[in-house]
């Protein structure tokens, strides 16, 4: 795995960020550095923002190799850990702007759910937005992005690595729309 010095520095700074630490009921317990939360198997808050264009296609992106979780995987959502003192909706707007360069759009709240696998324990809030403008990818976190029909995601996920947490978020959002 080869990562740039800029990606490595970004990863180190990310690991030190203070993020929301919660219990299994999503009650706020405090804040911890992201890496400590992960290493101790504690639960954090996270957002997933499903970005669609007006044709109903979903933006998917490939994560850089420097990501702590799921490096090089395809992701169906922008998003990330909720910072200390931040609300879910604030985190969603910040993450969408940071990762894909999309800001000033209405965010639709869908669902909250608990995702629990070894090494990735999260209370998740799912949002969606519609955007037809250009994307400005954050090079330290996103290596490429494209819009696809949602059914392509399910087909590709059988043969390509996709982030399981964001797939769960997508499934929950689409289930609620039908």
Protein backbone atom coordinates (compact mmCIF):
# COMPACT_ATOMS: atom_id res chain seq x y z
CA UNK A 1 0.00 0.00 0.00
CA UNK A 2 1.56 3.28 -1.12
CA UNK A 3 0.19 6.50 0.29
CA UNK A 4 1.42 10.03 -0.19
CA UNK A 5 2.96 12.10 2.58
CA UNK A 6 -0.05 14.42 2.37
CA UNK A 7 -2.45 11.48 2.85
CA UNK A 8 -0.38 10.17 5.77
CA UNK A 9 -0.41 13.58 7.45
CA UNK A 10 -4.16 13.86 6.89
CA UNK A 11 -4.69 10.38 8.39
CA UNK A 12 -2.60 11.27 11.47
CA UNK A 13 -4.57 14.49 11.99
CA UNK A 14 -7.83 12.60 11.48
CA UNK A 15 -6.85 9.99 14.08
CA UNK A 16 -6.32 12.80 16.63
CA UNK A 17 -9.70 14.50 15.99
CA UNK A 18 -12.05 14.59 18.96
CA UNK A 19 -15.24 12.74 18.04
CA UNK A 20 -18.53 12.06 19.81
CA UNK A 21 -18.41 8.99 22.06
CA UNK A 22 -21.80 7.40 22.82
CA UNK A 23 -23.29 4.29 24.38
CA UNK A 24 -25.47 1.61 22.75
CA UNK A 25 -28.52 3.88 23.17
CA UNK A 26 -26.78 6.84 21.45
CA UNK A 27 -26.44 8.74 24.73
CA UNK A 28 -23.49 11.10 24.58
CA UNK A 29 -20.71 10.06 27.00
CA UNK A 30 -18.08 12.59 25.94
CA UNK A 31 -15.41 12.97 23.30
CA UNK A 32 -12.33 10.91 22.47
CA UNK A 33 -9.69 10.93 19.77
CA UNK A 34 -10.97 8.97 16.77
CA UNK A 35 -8.11 6.43 16.91
CA UNK A 36 -8.67 5.74 20.63
CA UNK A 37 -12.39 5.19 20.08
CA UNK A 38 -11.61 2.67 17.34
CA UNK A 39 -8.79 0.92 19.25
CA UNK A 40 -10.91 0.49 22.40
CA UNK A 41 -13.94 -0.79 20.47
CA UNK A 42 -16.13 2.05 21.70
CA UNK A 43 -19.14 3.53 19.89
CA UNK A 44 -19.05 6.78 17.96
CA UNK A 45 -21.53 8.85 15.99
CA UNK A 46 -21.31 8.96 12.23
CA UNK A 47 -23.16 10.44 9.25
CA UNK A 48 -23.84 9.09 5.78
CA UNK A 49 -24.93 11.46 3.01
CA UNK A 50 -26.31 9.84 -0.12
CA UNK A 51 -25.77 12.28 -2.99
CA UNK A 52 -28.08 11.86 -5.97
CA UNK A 53 -28.32 13.84 -9.18
CA UNK A 54 -31.70 14.93 -10.56
CA UNK A 55 -31.75 11.82 -12.80
CA UNK A 56 -31.80 9.65 -9.65
CA UNK A 57 -28.22 8.42 -9.99
CA UNK A 58 -26.16 7.96 -6.84
CA UNK A 59 -22.65 9.36 -6.40
CA UNK A 60 -20.23 6.60 -5.42
CA UNK A 61 -16.60 7.23 -4.65
CA UNK A 62 -13.46 5.25 -4.03
CA UNK A 63 -11.73 5.77 -0.71
CA UNK A 64 -8.00 6.45 -0.66
CA UNK A 65 -5.60 3.80 0.60
CA UNK A 66 -4.77 5.91 3.67
CA UNK A 67 -8.24 5.52 5.23
CA UNK A 68 -8.20 3.71 8.60
CA UNK A 69 -11.31 1.71 7.74
CA UNK A 70 -12.08 0.18 4.37
CA UNK A 71 -9.07 1.62 2.47
CA UNK A 72 -9.55 1.48 -1.30
CA UNK A 73 -13.19 0.42 -0.97
CA UNK A 74 -16.06 1.94 -2.92
CA UNK A 75 -18.37 4.07 -0.79
CA UNK A 76 -21.97 5.00 -1.56
CA UNK A 77 -22.04 7.94 0.84
CA UNK A 78 -20.02 10.93 1.83
CA UNK A 79 -19.76 11.18 5.57
CA UNK A 80 -17.74 10.49 8.62
CA UNK A 81 -17.47 10.77 12.35
CA UNK A 82 -19.45 13.42 14.20
CA UNK A 83 -17.05 15.85 15.84
CA UNK A 84 -17.22 16.66 19.55
CA UNK A 85 -19.98 19.21 20.16
CA UNK A 86 -21.48 18.74 16.68
CA UNK A 87 -25.04 17.67 15.82
CA UNK A 88 -25.67 14.96 13.22
CA UNK A 89 -26.99 17.47 10.64
CA UNK A 90 -24.01 19.79 11.15
CA UNK A 91 -21.65 16.87 10.63
CA UNK A 92 -23.48 15.81 7.46
CA UNK A 93 -23.22 19.28 5.91
CA UNK A 94 -19.53 19.56 6.85
CA UNK A 95 -18.62 16.10 5.54
CA UNK A 96 -20.44 16.59 2.22
CA UNK A 97 -18.58 19.86 1.66
CA UNK A 98 -15.20 18.40 2.70
CA UNK A 99 -15.30 15.16 0.74
CA UNK A 100 -17.22 16.08 -2.42
CA UNK A 101 -17.17 19.88 -2.44
CA UNK A 102 -20.96 20.14 -2.24
CA UNK A 103 -22.45 22.82 -0.01
CA UNK A 104 -25.60 24.89 0.27
CA UNK A 105 -27.92 21.99 -0.58
CA UNK A 106 -30.93 20.84 1.39
CA UNK A 107 -30.24 17.69 3.40
CA UNK A 108 -33.09 15.26 3.86
CA UNK A 109 -32.90 13.20 7.06
CA UNK A 110 -33.80 9.53 6.62
CA UNK A 111 -32.97 7.27 9.50
CA UNK A 112 -30.70 6.55 12.43
CA UNK A 113 -29.42 3.07 13.16
CA UNK A 114 -26.78 1.19 15.10
CA UNK A 115 -24.04 -0.50 13.05
CA UNK A 116 -21.92 -2.94 15.01
CA UNK A 117 -19.10 -5.02 13.56
CA UNK A 118 -15.66 -5.62 15.11
CA UNK A 119 -13.58 -2.46 14.66
CA UNK A 120 -16.52 -0.33 13.51
CA UNK A 121 -19.21 0.43 16.09
CA UNK A 122 -21.39 3.39 15.10
CA UNK A 123 -24.62 5.20 15.67
CA UNK A 124 -25.39 6.34 12.15
CA UNK A 125 -27.58 9.13 10.79
CA UNK A 126 -28.52 8.90 7.11
CA UNK A 127 -29.17 11.95 4.94
CA UNK A 128 -29.59 12.54 1.22
CA UNK A 129 -29.22 15.49 -1.11
CA UNK A 130 -29.64 16.24 -4.81
CA UNK A 131 -26.82 17.92 -6.73
CA UNK A 132 -26.19 18.42 -10.44
CA UNK A 133 -23.10 20.61 -10.15
CA UNK A 134 -19.44 19.68 -10.31
CA UNK A 135 -17.74 17.68 -7.59
CA UNK A 136 -14.53 18.81 -5.90
CA UNK A 137 -12.98 15.69 -4.41
CA UNK A 138 -10.89 15.84 -1.25
CA UNK A 139 -7.73 14.11 -2.56
CA UNK A 140 -6.63 12.84 0.87
CA UNK A 141 -9.87 10.85 1.26
CA UNK A 142 -11.45 10.35 -2.18
CA UNK A 143 -9.54 9.05 -5.21
CA UNK A 144 -12.40 9.04 -7.74
CA UNK A 145 -16.16 9.47 -7.97
CA UNK A 146 -18.96 8.79 -10.43
CA UNK A 147 -22.74 8.76 -10.59
CA UNK A 148 -24.44 5.40 -11.20
CA UNK A 149 -27.94 3.99 -11.06
CA UNK A 150 -28.49 2.56 -7.56
CA UNK A 151 -29.00 -0.98 -8.89
CA UNK A 152 -25.41 -0.88 -10.21
CA UNK A 153 -24.21 -0.60 -6.61
CA UNK A 154 -25.87 -3.87 -5.63
CA UNK A 155 -24.45 -5.64 -8.71
CA UNK A 156 -20.93 -4.26 -8.16
CA UNK A 157 -20.95 -5.01 -4.44
CA UNK A 158 -21.02 -8.72 -5.27
CA UNK A 159 -17.59 -8.49 -6.92
CA UNK A 160 -15.96 -5.25 -5.71
CA UNK A 161 -15.19 -4.12 -2.16
CA UNK A 162 -17.88 -1.71 -0.90
CA UNK A 163 -18.09 -0.22 2.58
CA UNK A 164 -20.61 -2.36 4.50
CA UNK A 165 -21.72 0.48 6.76
CA UNK A 166 -22.66 2.79 3.89
CA UNK A 167 -24.39 -0.08 2.06
CA UNK A 168 -26.50 -0.56 5.19
CA UNK A 169 -27.30 3.18 5.16
CA UNK A 170 -28.31 3.03 1.49
CA UNK A 171 -30.51 -0.02 2.03
CA UNK A 172 -32.31 1.67 4.93
CA UNK A 173 -32.85 4.93 2.98
CA UNK A 174 -34.15 3.14 -0.11
CA UNK A 175 -36.43 0.89 1.97
CA UNK A 176 -38.01 3.98 3.53
CA UNK A 177 -38.59 5.61 0.12
CA UNK A 178 -40.59 2.71 -1.35
